[in-house]
PDB file of N, CA and C in Angstrom:
ATOM      1  N   MET A   1      70.885  95.391  83.797  1.00  0.00           N
ATOM      2  CA  MET A   1      72.333  95.977  84.033  1.00  0.00           C
ATOM      3  C   MET A   1      71.950  97.448  84.304  1.00  0.00           C
ATOM      4  N   LYS A   2      72.631  98.026  85.297  1.00  0.00           N
ATOM      5  CA  LYS A   2      72.465  99.484  85.669  1.00  0.00           C
ATOM      6  C   LYS A   2      73.328 100.277  84.367  1.00  0.00           C
ATOM      7  N   LYS A   3      72.772 101.566  84.307  1.00  0.00           N
ATOM      8  CA  LYS A   3      73.301 102.450  83.268  1.00  0.00           C
ATOM      9  C   LYS A   3      74.085 103.211  84.225  1.00  0.00           C
ATOM     10  N   VAL A   4      75.498 103.379  83.966  1.00  0.00           N
ATOM     11  CA  VAL A   4      76.152 104.302  84.785  1.00  0.00           C
ATOM     12  C   VAL A   4      77.095 105.163  83.942  1.00  0.00           C
ATOM     13  N   ILE A   5      77.033 106.457  84.416  1.00  0.00           N
ATOM     14  CA  ILE A   5      77.690 107.384  83.607  1.00  0.00           C
ATOM     15  C   ILE A   5      78.708 108.075  84.647  1.00  0.00           C
ATOM     16  N   LEU A   6      80.117 108.330  84.301  1.00  0.00           N
ATOM     17  CA  LEU A   6      80.899 109.082  85.290  1.00  0.00           C
ATOM     18  C   LEU A   6      81.318 110.275  84.726  1.00  0.00           C
ATOM     19  N   TYR A   7      81.099 111.451  85.113  1.00  0.00           N
ATOM     20  CA  TYR A   7      81.474 112.680  84.846  1.00  0.00           C
ATOM     21  C   TYR A   7      82.645 113.012  85.241  1.00  0.00           C
ATOM     22  N   THR A   8      83.751 113.380  84.624  1.00  0.00           N
ATOM     23  CA  THR A   8      85.089 113.604  85.155  1.00  0.00           C
ATOM     24  C   THR A   8      85.814 114.806  84.433  1.00  0.00           C
ATOM     25  N   THR A   9      86.934 115.122  84.907  1.00  0.00           N
ATOM     26  CA  THR A   9      87.980 116.078  84.389  1.00  0.00           C
ATOM     27  C   THR A   9      89.296 115.201  84.460  1.00  0.00           C
ATOM     28  N   PRO A  10      90.310 115.702  83.669  1.00  0.00           N
ATOM     29  CA  PRO A  10      91.457 114.993  83.686  1.00  0.00           C
ATOM     30  C   PRO A  10      92.201 115.496  85.101  1.00  0.00           C
ATOM     31  N   THR A  11      92.206 116.548  85.537  1.00  0.00           N
ATOM     32  CA  THR A  11      92.865 116.813  86.732  1.00  0.00           C
ATOM     33  C   THR A  11      92.186 116.444  88.071  1.00  0.00           C
ATOM     34  N   CYS A  12      91.118 115.764  88.059  1.00  0.00           N
ATOM     35  CA  CYS A  12      90.339 115.349  89.250  1.00  0.00           C
ATOM     36  C   CYS A  12      90.911 114.168  89.801  1.00  0.00           C
ATOM     37  N   ALA A  13      91.531 114.184  90.987  1.00  0.00           N
ATOM     38  CA  ALA A  13      92.138 112.913  91.672  1.00  0.00           C
ATOM     39  C   ALA A  13      90.987 111.966  92.019  1.00  0.00           C
ATOM     40  N   PHE A  14      89.923 112.489  92.524  1.00  0.00           N
ATOM     41  CA  PHE A  14      88.850 111.611  93.050  1.00  0.00           C
ATOM     42  C   PHE A  14      88.062 110.955  91.810  1.00  0.00           C
ATOM     43  N   CYS A  15      88.208 111.444  90.625  1.00  0.00           N
ATOM     44  CA  CYS A  15      87.804 110.740  89.623  1.00  0.00           C
ATOM     45  C   CYS A  15      88.368 109.257  89.257  1.00  0.00           C
ATOM     46  N   SER A  16      89.742 109.362  89.499  1.00  0.00           N
ATOM     47  CA  SER A  16      90.547 108.333  89.395  1.00  0.00           C
ATOM     48  C   SER A  16      90.131 107.417  90.283  1.00  0.00           C
ATOM     49  N   VAL A  17      89.780 107.815  91.462  1.00  0.00           N
ATOM     50  CA  VAL A  17      89.706 106.711  92.643  1.00  0.00           C
ATOM     51  C   VAL A  17      88.130 106.070  92.198  1.00  0.00           C
ATOM     52  N   VAL A  18      87.173 106.846  91.846  1.00  0.00           N
ATOM     53  CA  VAL A  18      85.917 106.299  91.308  1.00  0.00           C
ATOM     54  C   VAL A  18      86.077 105.397  90.313  1.00  0.00           C
ATOM     55  N   LYS A  19      87.012 105.781  89.121  1.00  0.00           N
ATOM     56  CA  LYS A  19      87.096 104.796  88.143  1.00  0.00           C
ATOM     57  C   LYS A  19      87.799 103.639  88.492  1.00  0.00           C
ATOM     58  N   LYS A  20      88.763 103.616  89.517  1.00  0.00           N
ATOM     59  CA  LYS A  20      89.354 102.249  90.006  1.00  0.00           C
ATOM     60  C   LYS A  20      88.206 101.516  90.626  1.00  0.00           C
ATOM     61  N   PHE A  21      87.499 101.999  91.508  1.00  0.00           N
ATOM     62  CA  PHE A  21      86.497 101.515  92.390  1.00  0.00           C
ATOM     63  C   PHE A  21      85.491 100.665  91.423  1.00  0.00           C
ATOM     64  N   LEU A  22      84.917 101.415  90.432  1.00  0.00           N
ATOM     65  CA  LEU A  22      84.035 100.824  89.526  1.00  0.00           C
ATOM     66  C   LEU A  22      84.848  99.799  88.658  1.00  0.00           C
ATOM     67  N   ASP A  23      86.068  99.939  88.110  1.00  0.00           N
ATOM     68  CA  ASP A  23      86.747  98.896  87.419  1.00  0.00           C
ATOM     69  C   ASP A  23      86.975  97.538  88.269  1.00  0.00           C
ATOM     70  N   ASP A  24      87.383  97.662  89.526  1.00  0.00           N
ATOM     71  CA  ASP A  24      87.442  96.671  90.572  1.00  0.00           C
ATOM     72  C   ASP A  24      86.351  95.904  90.727  1.00  0.00           C
ATOM     73  N   LYS A  25      84.948  96.594  90.759  1.00  0.00           N
ATOM     74  CA  LYS A  25      83.683  95.824  90.868  1.00  0.00           C
ATOM     75  C   LYS A  25      83.344  95.267  89.523  1.00  0.00           C
ATOM     76  N   GLY A  26      83.959  95.665  88.447  1.00  0.00           N
ATOM     77  CA  GLY A  26      83.489  95.098  87.047  1.00  0.00           C
ATOM     78  C   GLY A  26      82.350  95.794  86.643  1.00  0.00           C
ATOM     79  N   VAL A  27      82.264  97.119  86.907  1.00  0.00           N
ATOM     80  CA  VAL A  27      80.968  98.030  86.570  1.00  0.00           C
ATOM     81  C   VAL A  27      81.236  98.527  85.250  1.00  0.00           C
ATOM     82  N   GLU A  28      80.614  98.334  84.244  1.00  0.00           N
ATOM     83  CA  GLU A  28      80.653  99.056  82.978  1.00  0.00           C
ATOM     84  C   GLU A  28      80.242 100.379  83.047  1.00  0.00           C
ATOM     85  N   TYR A  29      80.772 101.273  82.580  1.00  0.00           N
ATOM     86  CA  TYR A  29      80.561 102.794  82.731  1.00  0.00           C
ATOM     87  C   TYR A  29      80.970 103.534  81.462  1.00  0.00           C
ATOM     88  N   GLN A  30      80.243 104.542  81.236  1.00  0.00           N
ATOM     89  CA  GLN A  30      80.479 105.610  80.232  1.00  0.00           C
ATOM     90  C   GLN A  30      81.132 106.741  81.046  1.00  0.00           C
ATOM     91  N   GLU A  31      82.321 107.208  80.578  1.00  0.00           N
ATOM     92  CA  GLU A  31      83.229 108.351  81.085  1.00  0.00           C
ATOM     93  C   GLU A  31      82.863 109.441  80.166  1.00  0.00           C
ATOM     94  N   ILE A  32      82.462 110.667  80.761  1.00  0.00           N
ATOM     95  CA  ILE A  32      82.491 111.870  79.989  1.00  0.00           C
ATOM     96  C   ILE A  32      83.230 112.895  80.619  1.00  0.00           C
ATOM     97  N   ASP A  33      84.238 113.406  79.723  1.00  0.00           N
ATOM     98  CA  ASP A  33      85.039 114.394  80.234  1.00  0.00           C
ATOM     99  C   ASP A  33      84.332 115.624  80.233  1.00  0.00           C
ATOM    100  N   VAL A  34      83.932 116.392  81.041  1.00  0.00           N
ATOM    101  CA  VAL A  34      83.280 117.624  80.870  1.00  0.00           C
ATOM    102  C   VAL A  34      84.105 118.842  80.721  1.00  0.00           C
ATOM    103  N   SER A  35      85.357 118.697  80.752  1.00  0.00           N
ATOM    104  CA  SER A  35      86.302 119.742  80.446  1.00  0.00           C
ATOM    105  C   SER A  35      86.457 119.862  78.930  1.00  0.00           C
ATOM    106  N   LYS A  36      86.024 118.914  78.344  1.00  0.00           N
ATOM    107  CA  LYS A  36      85.977 119.025  76.917  1.00  0.00           C
ATOM    108  C   LYS A  36      84.571 118.972  76.159  1.00  0.00           C
ATOM    109  N   ASN A  37      83.701 118.944  76.943  1.00  0.00           N
ATOM    110  CA  ASN A  37      82.140 118.721  76.340  1.00  0.00           C
ATOM    111  C   ASN A  37      81.244 119.721  77.349  1.00  0.00           C
ATOM    112  N   GLU A  38      81.118 120.786  76.757  1.00  0.00           N
ATOM    113  CA  GLU A  38      80.158 121.912  77.479  1.00  0.00           C
ATOM    114  C   GLU A  38      78.896 121.471  77.548  1.00  0.00           C
ATOM    115  N   GLU A  39      78.132 120.827  76.443  1.00  0.00           N
ATOM    116  CA  GLU A  39      76.933 120.370  76.536  1.00  0.00           C
ATOM    117  C   GLU A  39      76.750 119.315  77.665  1.00  0.00           C
ATOM    118  N   GLU A  40      77.563 118.441  77.805  1.00  0.00           N
ATOM    119  CA  GLU A  40      77.588 117.522  78.830  1.00  0.00           C
ATOM    120  C   GLU A  40      77.538 118.117  80.337  1.00  0.00           C
ATOM    121  N   LEU A  41      78.428 119.005  80.430  1.00  0.00           N
ATOM    122  CA  LEU A  41      78.685 119.728  81.546  1.00  0.00           C
ATOM    123  C   LEU A  41      77.396 120.318  81.970  1.00  0.00           C
ATOM    124  N   LYS A  42      76.642 120.973  81.106  1.00  0.00           N
ATOM    125  CA  LYS A  42      75.309 121.557  81.346  1.00  0.00           C
ATOM    126  C   LYS A  42      74.297 120.325  81.505  1.00  0.00           C
ATOM    127  N   LYS A  43      74.252 119.450  81.135  1.00  0.00           N
ATOM    128  CA  LYS A  43      73.507 118.249  81.552  1.00  0.00           C
ATOM    129  C   LYS A  43      73.759 117.844  83.058  1.00  0.00           C
ATOM    130  N   MET A  44      75.034 117.626  83.431  1.00  0.00           N
ATOM    131  CA  MET A  44      75.488 117.396  84.689  1.00  0.00           C
ATOM    132  C   MET A  44      74.972 118.433  85.736  1.00  0.00           C
ATOM    133  N   GLN A  45      75.176 119.502  85.265  1.00  0.00           N
ATOM    134  CA  GLN A  45      74.781 120.674  86.280  1.00  0.00           C
ATOM    135  C   GLN A  45      73.332 120.796  86.414  1.00  0.00           C
ATOM    136  N   GLU A  46      72.485 120.465  85.403  1.00  0.00           N
ATOM    137  CA  GLU A  46      70.953 120.488  85.686  1.00  0.00           C
ATOM    138  C   GLU A  46      70.679 119.402  86.459  1.00  0.00           C
ATOM    139  N   LYS A  47      71.354 118.207  86.353  1.00  0.00           N
ATOM    140  CA  LYS A  47      70.949 116.891  86.941  1.00  0.00           C
ATOM    141  C   LYS A  47      71.224 116.972  88.521  1.00  0.00           C
ATOM    142  N   THR A  48      72.328 117.688  88.955  1.00  0.00           N
ATOM    143  CA  THR A  48      72.979 117.715  90.160  1.00  0.00           C
ATOM    144  C   THR A  48      72.996 119.040  90.850  1.00  0.00           C
ATOM    145  N   GLY A  49      72.807 120.134  90.068  1.00  0.00           N
ATOM    146  CA  GLY A  49      72.904 121.437  90.694  1.00  0.00           C
ATOM    147  C   GLY A  49      74.578 121.775  91.299  1.00  0.00           C
ATOM    148  N   GLN A  50      75.298 120.901  90.670  1.00  0.00           N
ATOM    149  CA  GLN A  50      76.785 121.066  91.013  1.00  0.00           C
ATOM    150  C   GLN A  50      77.602 121.228  89.856  1.00  0.00           C
ATOM    151  N   MET A  51      78.808 121.934  90.013  1.00  0.00           N
ATOM    152  CA  MET A  51      79.642 122.094  88.954  1.00  0.00           C
ATOM    153  C   MET A  51      81.111 121.125  89.308  1.00  0.00           C
ATOM    154  N   SER A  52      81.025 120.619  90.330  1.00  0.00           N
ATOM    155  CA  SER A  52      82.288 119.741  90.642  1.00  0.00           C
ATOM    156  C   SER A  52      82.098 118.256  90.269  1.00  0.00           C
ATOM    157  N   VAL A  53      83.337 117.617  89.930  1.00  0.00           N
ATOM    158  CA  VAL A  53      83.291 116.285  89.622  1.00  0.00           C
ATOM    159  C   VAL A  53      84.071 115.448  90.763  1.00  0.00           C
ATOM    160  N   PRO A  54      83.850 114.325  90.821  1.00  0.00           N
ATOM    161  CA  PRO A  54      83.324 113.416  89.981  1.00  0.00           C
ATOM    162  C   PRO A  54      81.770 113.478  90.362  1.00  0.00           C
ATOM    163  N   VAL A  55      81.000 113.004  89.123  1.00  0.00           N
ATOM    164  CA  VAL A  55      79.611 112.748  89.484  1.00  0.00           C
ATOM    165  C   VAL A  55      79.353 111.409  88.881  1.00  0.00           C
ATOM    166  N   VAL A  56      78.728 110.369  89.696  1.00  0.00           N
ATOM    167  CA  VAL A  56      78.540 109.079  88.966  1.00  0.00           C
ATOM    168  C   VAL A  56      76.830 109.099  88.941  1.00  0.00           C
ATOM    169  N   LEU A  57      76.484 108.836  87.777  1.00  0.00           N
ATOM    170  CA  LEU A  57      74.939 108.867  87.432  1.00  0.00           C
ATOM    171  C   LEU A  57      74.587 107.555  87.360  1.00  0.00           C
ATOM    172  N   ILE A  58      73.748 106.835  88.078  1.00  0.00           N
ATOM    173  CA  ILE A  58      73.483 105.389  88.123  1.00  0.00           C
ATOM    174  C   ILE A  58      71.893 105.389  87.991  1.00  0.00           C
ATOM    175  N   ASP A  59      71.556 104.799  86.788  1.00  0.00           N
ATOM    176  CA  ASP A  59      70.109 104.758  86.434  1.00  0.00           C
ATOM    177  C   ASP A  59      69.485 106.170  86.887  1.00  0.00           C
ATOM    178  N   GLU A  60      70.011 107.286  86.405  1.00  0.00           N
ATOM    179  CA  GLU A  60      69.452 108.663  86.663  1.00  0.00           C
ATOM    180  C   GLU A  60      69.592 109.191  88.030  1.00  0.00           C
ATOM    181  N   GLU A  61      70.195 108.521  88.887  1.00  0.00           N
ATOM    182  CA  GLU A  61      70.132 108.890  90.312  1.00  0.00           C
ATOM    183  C   GLU A  61      71.845 109.349  90.582  1.00  0.00           C
ATOM    184  N   ALA A  62      72.043 110.566  90.784  1.00  0.00           N
ATOM    185  CA  ALA A  62      73.365 111.180  90.997  1.00  0.00           C
ATOM    186  C   ALA A  62      74.060 111.061  92.301  1.00  0.00           C
ATOM    187  N   VAL A  63      75.451 110.625  92.186  1.00  0.00           N
ATOM    188  CA  VAL A  63      76.182 110.833  93.515  1.00  0.00           C
ATOM    189  C   VAL A  63      77.295 111.634  93.104  1.00  0.00           C
ATOM    190  N   VAL A  64      77.370 112.714  94.005  1.00  0.00           N
ATOM    191  CA  VAL A  64      78.317 113.683  93.871  1.00  0.00           C
ATOM    192  C   VAL A  64      79.535 113.394  94.639  1.00  0.00           C
ATOM    193  N   GLY A  65      80.734 113.302  94.104  1.00  0.00           N
ATOM    194  CA  GLY A  65      81.961 113.144  94.947  1.00  0.00           C
ATOM    195  C   GLY A  65      82.058 111.652  94.880  1.00  0.00           C
ATOM    196  N   PHE A  66      83.178 111.126  95.759  1.00  0.00           N
ATOM    197  CA  PHE A  66      83.311 109.625  95.992  1.00  0.00           C
ATOM    198  C   PHE A  66      82.601 109.063  97.312  1.00  0.00           C
ATOM    199  N   ASN A  67      81.386 108.783  96.925  1.00  0.00           N
ATOM    200  CA  ASN A  67      80.539 108.245  98.197  1.00  0.00           C
ATOM    201  C   ASN A  67      80.356 106.849  97.964  1.00  0.00           C
ATOM    202  N   LYS A  68      81.524 106.109  98.590  1.00  0.00           N
ATOM    203  CA  LYS A  68      81.426 104.599  98.286  1.00  0.00           C
ATOM    204  C   LYS A  68      80.291 103.958  98.705  1.00  0.00           C
ATOM    205  N   LYS A  69      79.808 104.226  99.812  1.00  0.00           N
ATOM    206  CA  LYS A  69      78.709 103.665 100.435  1.00  0.00           C
ATOM    207  C   LYS A  69      77.366 103.782  99.576  1.00  0.00           C
ATOM    208  N   LYS A  70      77.118 104.899  99.104  1.00  0.00           N
ATOM    209  CA  LYS A  70      76.075 105.358  98.326  1.00  0.00           C
ATOM    210  C   LYS A  70      76.126 104.591  96.868  1.00  0.00           C
ATOM    211  N   ILE A  71      77.206 104.647  96.328  1.00  0.00           N
ATOM    212  CA  ILE A  71      77.483 104.012  95.101  1.00  0.00           C
ATOM    213  C   ILE A  71      77.245 102.669  95.193  1.00  0.00           C
ATOM    214  N   LYS A  72      77.634 102.059  96.023  1.00  0.00           N
ATOM    215  CA  LYS A  72      77.484 100.435  96.357  1.00  0.00           C
ATOM    216  C   LYS A  72      75.974 100.172  96.390  1.00  0.00           C
ATOM    217  N   LYS A  73      75.368 101.032  97.247  1.00  0.00           N
ATOM    218  CA  LYS A  73      73.978 100.747  97.430  1.00  0.00           C
ATOM    219  C   LYS A  73      72.967 100.911  96.133  1.00  0.00           C
ATOM    220  N   LEU A  74      73.419 102.023  95.287  1.00  0.00           N
ATOM    221  CA  LEU A  74      72.633 102.010  93.987  1.00  0.00           C
ATOM    222  C   LEU A  74      73.072 101.008  93.109  1.00  0.00           C
ATOM    223  N   LEU A  75      74.165 100.476  93.136  1.00  0.00           N
ATOM    224  CA  LEU A  75      74.580  99.648  91.992  1.00  0.00           C
ATOM    225  C   LEU A  75      73.825  98.238  92.511  1.00  0.00           C
ATOM    226  N   GLU A  76      73.603  97.976  93.884  1.00  0.00           N
ATOM    227  CA  GLU A  76      73.053  96.652  94.320  1.00  0.00           C
ATOM    228  C   GLU A  76      71.524  96.767  94.431  1.00  0.00           C
ATOM    229  N   LYS A  77      70.939  97.799  93.984  1.00  0.00           N
ATOM    230  CA  LYS A  77      69.450  98.039  93.996  1.00  0.00           C
ATOM    231  C   LYS A  77      68.842  97.096  92.918  1.00  0.00           C
TER     232      LYS A  77
END
């Protein structure tokens, strides 16, 4: 099973879209609200070079934003 981490914030509209997409696919994921966890925000930035959310980390490979095609491809690997 793939390890999936979803970095989000409460005000991010695309975060909700990604969560619904993963839920609809039956994908288990860990959600991390980076607005409340500065340490995890730093980890996300180190892995992606980005400050924006959503970030989906699938087995340590990052997808920034809601790139449905890339997320599906990584989940199917």
